Amino acid sequence: MEVINENVNNNINHVNVHVNMAHPDKETERSKSFYERIGKTGKTIGLILAITTGTFTCWQIFKSSTKHKIAGAWKLKFIVQSSSYKPYIGESHTQRVSFCQNDCEITGEGEKWEYNGKLLPFDSHRILKYKGNIDDDCLKATYELFGLLRKSDGNIEVTLSDDGRSMEGKFTGTAGDSKGTVTGERID
């Protein structure tokens, strides 16, 4: 029995050696193509990562370099065209606002400066705050005007000029449910 087991083991070993010796190129070819495939896959993954990273970086640069920069001092003129309080119709007031900009987001602080073309006495200046966004050449913002007796809110939607020195559009406000035009010019 022991002799038969030894012969069987010898035959199996001989067969294994014979199979490996009979096709040594195929075994090397298989392992070589496996490593080549890993190399090609690695190169493909690397290329995809590079393209993705480059695209993301370009998008971030593009997004942060909005075409219109409005940071600085502005003079905004509001003319009331309609209102539930009839005496407001046709009146104008001017604001001086200092805008700050972070990418496409803007904030601003200022004060009511003139009323119907006349400078307001200092104690009649009212504080203003703006918050909004720029999308291409359009600025949309909300504002709060802190009046002597109450606070009023409003919205502006203006188109910015190509040179970034002026703006024009429309406004709505809660004081007398006013609506009208707004124009602005940079003063710095």
C-alpha atoms as a PDB file:
ATOM      1  CA  MET A   1       0.000   0.000   0.000  1.00  0.00           C
ATOM      2  CA  GLU A   2       2.835   2.317   0.843  1.00  0.00           C
ATOM      3  CA  VAL A   3       4.454   1.725  -2.545  1.00  0.00           C
ATOM      4  CA  ILE A   4       1.240   2.602  -4.383  1.00  0.00           C
ATOM      5  CA  ASN A   5       0.858   5.884  -2.452  1.00  0.00           C
ATOM      6  CA  GLU A   6       4.459   6.775  -3.192  1.00  0.00           C
ATOM      7  CA  ASN A   7       3.973   6.056  -6.916  1.00  0.00           C
ATOM      8  CA  VAL A   8       0.763   8.081  -7.003  1.00  0.00           C
ATOM      9  CA  ASN A   9       2.481  11.042  -5.278  1.00  0.00           C
ATOM     10  CA  ASN A  10       5.421  10.808  -7.693  1.00  0.00           C
ATOM     11  CA  ASN A  11       3.058  10.728 -10.649  1.00  0.00           C
ATOM     12  CA  ILE A  12       1.132  13.776  -9.380  1.00  0.00           C
ATOM     13  CA  ASN A  13       4.351  15.721  -8.844  1.00  0.00           C
ATOM     14  CA  HIS A  14       5.560  14.698 -12.271  1.00  0.00           C
ATOM     15  CA  VAL A  15       2.268  15.815 -13.840  1.00  0.00           C
ATOM     16  CA  ASN A  16       2.439  19.211 -12.059  1.00  0.00           C
ATOM     17  CA  VAL A  17       6.001  19.748 -13.184  1.00  0.00           C
ATOM     18  CA  HIS A  18       5.147  18.589 -16.668  1.00  0.00           C
ATOM     19  CA  VAL A  19       2.126  20.967 -16.903  1.00  0.00           C
ATOM     20  CA  ASN A  20       4.180  23.898 -15.661  1.00  0.00           C
ATOM     21  CA  MET A  21       7.062  23.035 -17.948  1.00  0.00           C
ATOM     22  CA  ALA A  22       4.815  22.398 -20.955  1.00  0.00           C
ATOM     23  CA  HIS A  23       3.361  25.961 -20.968  1.00  0.00           C
ATOM     24  CA  PRO A  24       5.776  28.271 -19.132  1.00  0.00           C
ATOM     25  CA  ASP A  25       4.997  31.188 -21.489  1.00  0.00           C
ATOM     26  CA  LYS A  26       1.249  31.078 -20.811  1.00  0.00           C
ATOM     27  CA  GLU A  27       1.783  31.235 -17.045  1.00  0.00           C
ATOM     28  CA  THR A  28       4.177  34.178 -17.410  1.00  0.00           C
ATOM     29  CA  GLU A  29       1.851  35.769 -19.952  1.00  0.00           C
ATOM     30  CA  ARG A  30      -1.117  35.451 -17.588  1.00  0.00           C
ATOM     31  CA  SER A  31       0.730  36.968 -14.656  1.00  0.00           C
ATOM     32  CA  LYS A  32       2.283  39.622 -16.903  1.00  0.00           C
ATOM     33  CA  SER A  33      -1.050  40.717 -18.372  1.00  0.00           C
ATOM     34  CA  PHE A  34      -2.482  40.815 -14.829  1.00  0.00           C
ATOM     35  CA  TYR A  35       0.257  43.262 -13.791  1.00  0.00           C
ATOM     36  CA  GLU A  36      -0.142  45.188 -17.006  1.00  0.00           C
ATOM     37  CA  ARG A  37      -3.877  45.478 -16.342  1.00  0.00           C
ATOM     38  CA  ILE A  38      -3.159  46.789 -12.859  1.00  0.00           C
ATOM     39  CA  GLY A  39      -0.789  49.312 -14.432  1.00  0.00           C
ATOM     40  CA  LYS A  40      -3.334  50.419 -17.015  1.00  0.00           C
ATOM     41  CA  THR A  41      -6.068  50.599 -14.383  1.00  0.00           C
ATOM     42  CA  GLY A  42      -3.799  52.629 -12.112  1.00  0.00           C
ATOM     43  CA  LYS A  43      -2.997  54.988 -14.968  1.00  0.00           C
ATOM     44  CA  THR A  44      -6.701  55.322 -15.796  1.00  0.00           C
ATOM     45  CA  ILE A  45      -7.618  56.018 -12.174  1.00  0.00           C
ATOM     46  CA  GLY A  46      -4.791  58.555 -11.950  1.00  0.00           C
ATOM     47  CA  LEU A  47      -5.968  60.270 -15.122  1.00  0.00           C
ATOM     48  CA  ILE A  48      -9.570  60.400 -13.889  1.00  0.00           C
ATOM     49  CA  LEU A  49      -8.447  61.855 -10.541  1.00  0.00           C
ATOM     50  CA  ALA A  50      -6.278  64.455 -12.278  1.00  0.00           C
ATOM     51  CA  ILE A  51      -9.100  65.533 -14.595  1.00  0.00           C
ATOM     52  CA  THR A  52     -11.590  65.672 -11.713  1.00  0.00           C
ATOM     53  CA  THR A  53      -9.211  67.681  -9.518  1.00  0.00           C
ATOM     54  CA  GLY A  54      -8.384  70.057 -12.367  1.00  0.00           C
ATOM     55  CA  THR A  55     -12.045  70.576 -13.220  1.00  0.00           C
ATOM     56  CA  PHE A  56     -12.948  71.204  -9.572  1.00  0.00           C
ATOM     57  CA  THR A  57     -10.082  73.690  -9.172  1.00  0.00           C
ATOM     58  CA  CYS A  58     -11.053  75.573 -12.337  1.00  0.00           C
ATOM     59  CA  TRP A  59     -14.689  75.702 -11.200  1.00  0.00           C
ATOM     60  CA  GLN A  60     -13.677  77.112  -7.800  1.00  0.00           C
ATOM     61  CA  ILE A  61     -11.521  79.782  -9.436  1.00  0.00           C
ATOM     62  CA  PHE A  62     -14.288  80.658 -11.892  1.00  0.00           C
ATOM     63  CA  LYS A  63     -16.924  80.745  -9.168  1.00  0.00           C
ATOM     64  CA  SER A  64     -14.825  82.960  -6.897  1.00  0.00           C
ATOM     65  CA  SER A  65     -13.937  85.380  -9.675  1.00  0.00           C
ATOM     66  CA  THR A  66     -17.408  86.753 -10.251  1.00  0.00           C
ATOM     67  CA  LYS A  67     -17.486  89.233 -13.114  1.00  0.00           C
ATOM     68  CA  HIS A  68     -18.813  92.104 -11.013  1.00  0.00           C
ATOM     69  CA  LYS A  69     -17.067  93.447  -7.959  1.00  0.00           C
ATOM     70  CA  ILE A  70     -19.251  95.894  -6.054  1.00  0.00           C
ATOM     71  CA  ALA A  71     -17.289  96.182  -2.813  1.00  0.00           C
ATOM     72  CA  GLY A  72     -16.919  99.832  -1.837  1.00  0.00           C
ATOM     73  CA  ALA A  73     -18.983 102.976  -1.369  1.00  0.00           C
ATOM     74  CA  TRP A  74     -22.171 103.562  -3.394  1.00  0.00           C
ATOM     75  CA  LYS A  75     -24.877 106.191  -3.690  1.00  0.00           C
ATOM     76  CA  LEU A  76     -28.307 104.630  -4.341  1.00  0.00           C
ATOM     77  CA  LYS A  77     -31.309 106.705  -5.385  1.00  0.00           C
ATOM     78  CA  PHE A  78     -34.845 105.366  -4.871  1.00  0.00           C
ATOM     79  CA  ILE A  79     -37.839 106.941  -6.656  1.00  0.00           C
ATOM     80  CA  VAL A  80     -41.280 105.794  -5.493  1.00  0.00           C
ATOM     81  CA  GLN A  81     -43.620 105.055  -8.418  1.00  0.00           C
ATOM     82  CA  SER A  82     -46.474 103.423  -6.516  1.00  0.00           C
ATOM     83  CA  SER A  83     -47.480 103.260  -2.879  1.00  0.00           C
ATOM     84  CA  SER A  84     -50.509 102.597  -0.711  1.00  0.00           C
ATOM     85  CA  TYR A  85     -49.629 105.918   0.992  1.00  0.00           C
ATOM     86  CA  LYS A  86     -50.249 108.405  -1.846  1.00  0.00           C
ATOM     87  CA  PRO A  87     -47.928 111.213  -0.571  1.00  0.00           C
ATOM     88  CA  TYR A  88     -44.915 108.863  -1.129  1.00  0.00           C
ATOM     89  CA  ILE A  89     -45.568 108.639  -4.891  1.00  0.00           C
ATOM     90  CA  GLY A  90     -42.960 110.657  -6.801  1.00  0.00           C
ATOM     91  CA  GLU A  91     -40.724 111.152  -3.760  1.00  0.00           C
ATOM     92  CA  SER A  92     -37.097 110.134  -3.748  1.00  0.00           C
ATOM     93  CA  HIS A  93     -34.504 109.310  -1.184  1.00  0.00           C
ATOM     94  CA  THR A  94     -30.801 108.642  -1.488  1.00  0.00           C
ATOM     95  CA  GLN A  95     -28.761 106.180   0.498  1.00  0.00           C
ATOM     96  CA  ARG A  96     -25.016 105.976   0.987  1.00  0.00           C
ATOM     97  CA  VAL A  97     -24.016 102.346   1.338  1.00  0.00           C
ATOM     98  CA  SER A  98     -20.712 100.570   1.770  1.00  0.00           C
ATOM     99  CA  PHE A  99     -20.877  97.069   0.262  1.00  0.00           C
ATOM    100  CA  CYS A 100     -18.635  94.141   1.159  1.00  0.00           C
ATOM    101  CA  GLN A 101     -18.352  91.155  -1.140  1.00  0.00           C
ATOM    102  CA  ASN A 102     -17.354  87.536  -0.569  1.00  0.00           C
ATOM    103  CA  ASP A 103     -17.500  85.695  -3.893  1.00  0.00           C
ATOM    104  CA  CYS A 104     -21.127  86.163  -4.962  1.00  0.00           C
ATOM    105  CA  GLU A 105     -22.472  87.136  -1.543  1.00  0.00           C
ATOM    106  CA  ILE A 106     -22.775  90.778  -0.552  1.00  0.00           C
ATOM    107  CA  THR A 107     -23.501  92.635   2.650  1.00  0.00           C
ATOM    108  CA  GLY A 108     -23.784  96.355   3.106  1.00  0.00           C
ATOM    109  CA  GLU A 109     -24.246  99.030   5.709  1.00  0.00           C
ATOM    110  CA  GLY A 110     -25.170 102.631   5.216  1.00  0.00           C
ATOM    111  CA  GLU A 111     -27.639 105.369   5.951  1.00  0.00           C
ATOM    112  CA  LYS A 112     -30.426 107.366   4.423  1.00  0.00           C
ATOM    113  CA  TRP A 113     -28.669 110.504   3.186  1.00  0.00           C
ATOM    114  CA  GLU A 114     -31.041 112.714   1.158  1.00  0.00           C
ATOM    115  CA  TYR A 115     -34.784 113.130   0.851  1.00  0.00           C
ATOM    116  CA  ASN A 116     -36.252 114.671  -2.328  1.00  0.00           C
ATOM    117  CA  GLY A 117     -32.814 115.953  -3.350  1.00  0.00           C
ATOM    118  CA  LYS A 118     -32.040 117.698  -0.036  1.00  0.00           C
ATOM    119  CA  LEU A 119     -29.425 116.571   2.467  1.00  0.00           C
ATOM    120  CA  LEU A 120     -30.980 115.267   5.643  1.00  0.00           C
ATOM    121  CA  PRO A 121     -29.917 116.729   8.990  1.00  0.00           C
ATOM    122  CA  PHE A 122     -27.545 114.321  10.700  1.00  0.00           C
ATOM    123  CA  ASP A 123     -30.107 113.306  13.337  1.00  0.00           C
ATOM    124  CA  SER A 124     -32.489 112.290  10.514  1.00  0.00           C
ATOM    125  CA  HIS A 125     -30.044 109.826   8.927  1.00  0.00           C
ATOM    126  CA  ARG A 126     -31.373 106.294   9.315  1.00  0.00           C
ATOM    127  CA  ILE A 127     -29.234 103.152   9.445  1.00  0.00           C
ATOM    128  CA  LEU A 128     -29.513 100.579   6.609  1.00  0.00           C
ATOM    129  CA  LYS A 129     -28.313  97.005   6.263  1.00  0.00           C
ATOM    130  CA  TYR A 130     -28.149  94.960   3.044  1.00  0.00           C
ATOM    131  CA  LYS A 131     -27.711  91.272   2.371  1.00  0.00           C
ATOM    132  CA  GLY A 132     -27.840  89.575  -1.026  1.00  0.00           C
ATOM    133  CA  ASN A 133     -26.198  87.796  -3.951  1.00  0.00           C
ATOM    134  CA  ILE A 134     -24.776  88.605  -7.344  1.00  0.00           C
ATOM    135  CA  ASP A 135     -25.601  86.243 -10.187  1.00  0.00           C
ATOM    136  CA  ASP A 136     -23.820  87.258 -13.382  1.00  0.00           C
ATOM    137  CA  ASP A 137     -24.796  90.942 -13.769  1.00  0.00           C
ATOM    138  CA  CYS A 138     -27.822  90.868 -11.444  1.00  0.00           C
ATOM    139  CA  LEU A 139     -27.724  91.935  -7.797  1.00  0.00           C
ATOM    140  CA  LYS A 140     -30.652  90.780  -5.666  1.00  0.00           C
ATOM    141  CA  ALA A 141     -30.658  91.967  -2.073  1.00  0.00           C
ATOM    142  CA  THR A 142     -32.877  92.619   0.901  1.00  0.00           C
ATOM    143  CA  TYR A 143     -32.495  95.669   3.052  1.00  0.00           C
ATOM    144  CA  GLU A 144     -33.582  96.839   6.476  1.00  0.00           C
ATOM    145  CA  LEU A 145     -34.146 100.530   7.154  1.00  0.00           C
ATOM    146  CA  PHE A 146     -34.192 101.358  10.866  1.00  0.00           C
ATOM    147  CA  GLY A 147     -36.568 104.330  11.070  1.00  0.00           C
ATOM    148  CA  LEU A 148     -37.151 106.561  14.058  1.00  0.00           C
ATOM    149  CA  LEU A 149     -40.440 104.821  14.976  1.00  0.00           C
ATOM    150  CA  ARG A 150     -40.190 101.480  13.174  1.00  0.00           C
ATOM    151  CA  LYS A 151     -38.128  99.243  10.964  1.00  0.00           C
ATOM    152  CA  SER A 152     -39.078  98.726   7.321  1.00  0.00           C
ATOM    153  CA  ASP A 153     -37.807  96.097   4.909  1.00  0.00           C
ATOM    154  CA  GLY A 154     -37.391  95.932   1.192  1.00  0.00           C
ATOM    155  CA  ASN A 155     -35.823  94.252  -1.807  1.00  0.00           C
ATOM    156  CA  ILE A 156     -33.785  95.537  -4.688  1.00  0.00           C
ATOM    157  CA  GLU A 157     -33.123  93.804  -7.983  1.00  0.00           C
ATOM    158  CA  VAL A 158     -30.652  95.692 -10.137  1.00  0.00           C
ATOM    159  CA  THR A 159     -28.550  95.106 -13.211  1.00  0.00           C
ATOM    160  CA  LEU A 160     -24.887  96.017 -12.845  1.00  0.00           C
ATOM    161  CA  SER A 161     -23.108  97.867 -15.630  1.00  0.00           C
ATOM    162  CA  ASP A 162     -20.268  96.169 -17.494  1.00  0.00           C
ATOM    163  CA  ASP A 163     -17.702  98.538 -15.984  1.00  0.00           C
ATOM    164  CA  GLY A 164     -19.033  97.933 -12.450  1.00  0.00           C
ATOM    165  CA  ARG A 165     -19.552 101.652 -11.769  1.00  0.00           C
ATOM    166  CA  SER A 166     -23.363 101.840 -11.887  1.00  0.00           C
ATOM    167  CA  MET A 167     -26.548  99.854 -11.396  1.00  0.00           C
ATOM    168  CA  GLU A 168     -30.233 100.260 -12.140  1.00  0.00           C
ATOM    169  CA  GLY A 169     -33.376  98.306 -11.460  1.00  0.00           C
ATOM    170  CA  LYS A 170     -36.387  98.182  -9.196  1.00  0.00           C
ATOM    171  CA  PHE A 171     -37.235  98.046  -5.521  1.00  0.00           C
ATOM    172  CA  THR A 172     -40.120  97.123  -3.267  1.00  0.00           C
ATOM    173  CA  GLY A 173     -40.475  98.264   0.319  1.00  0.00           C
ATOM    174  CA  THR A 174     -42.811  97.688   3.252  1.00  0.00           C
ATOM    175  CA  ALA A 175     -43.036 101.411   4.129  1.00  0.00           C
ATOM    176  CA  GLY A 176     -46.302 102.373   2.458  1.00  0.00           C
ATOM    177  CA  ASP A 177     -46.046  99.225   0.315  1.00  0.00           C
ATOM    178  CA  SER A 178     -43.791 101.255  -1.985  1.00  0.00           C
ATOM    179  CA  LYS A 179     -42.451 100.187  -5.372  1.00  0.00           C
ATOM    180  CA  GLY A 180     -40.264 102.002  -7.822  1.00  0.00           C
ATOM    181  CA  THR A 181     -36.886 102.404  -9.458  1.00  0.00           C
ATOM    182  CA  VAL A 182     -33.442 102.380  -7.968  1.00  0.00           C
ATOM    183  CA  THR A 183     -30.230 103.615  -9.562  1.00  0.00           C
ATOM    184  CA  GLY A 184     -26.761 103.549  -8.126  1.00  0.00           C
ATOM    185  CA  GLU A 185     -23.303 104.870  -8.787  1.00  0.00           C
ATOM    186  CA  ARG A 186     -19.973 104.079  -7.217  1.00  0.00           C
ATOM    187  CA  ILE A 187     -18.589 106.989  -5.199  1.00  0.00           C
ATOM    188  CA  ASP A 188     -15.132 105.750  -4.249  1.00  0.00           C
END
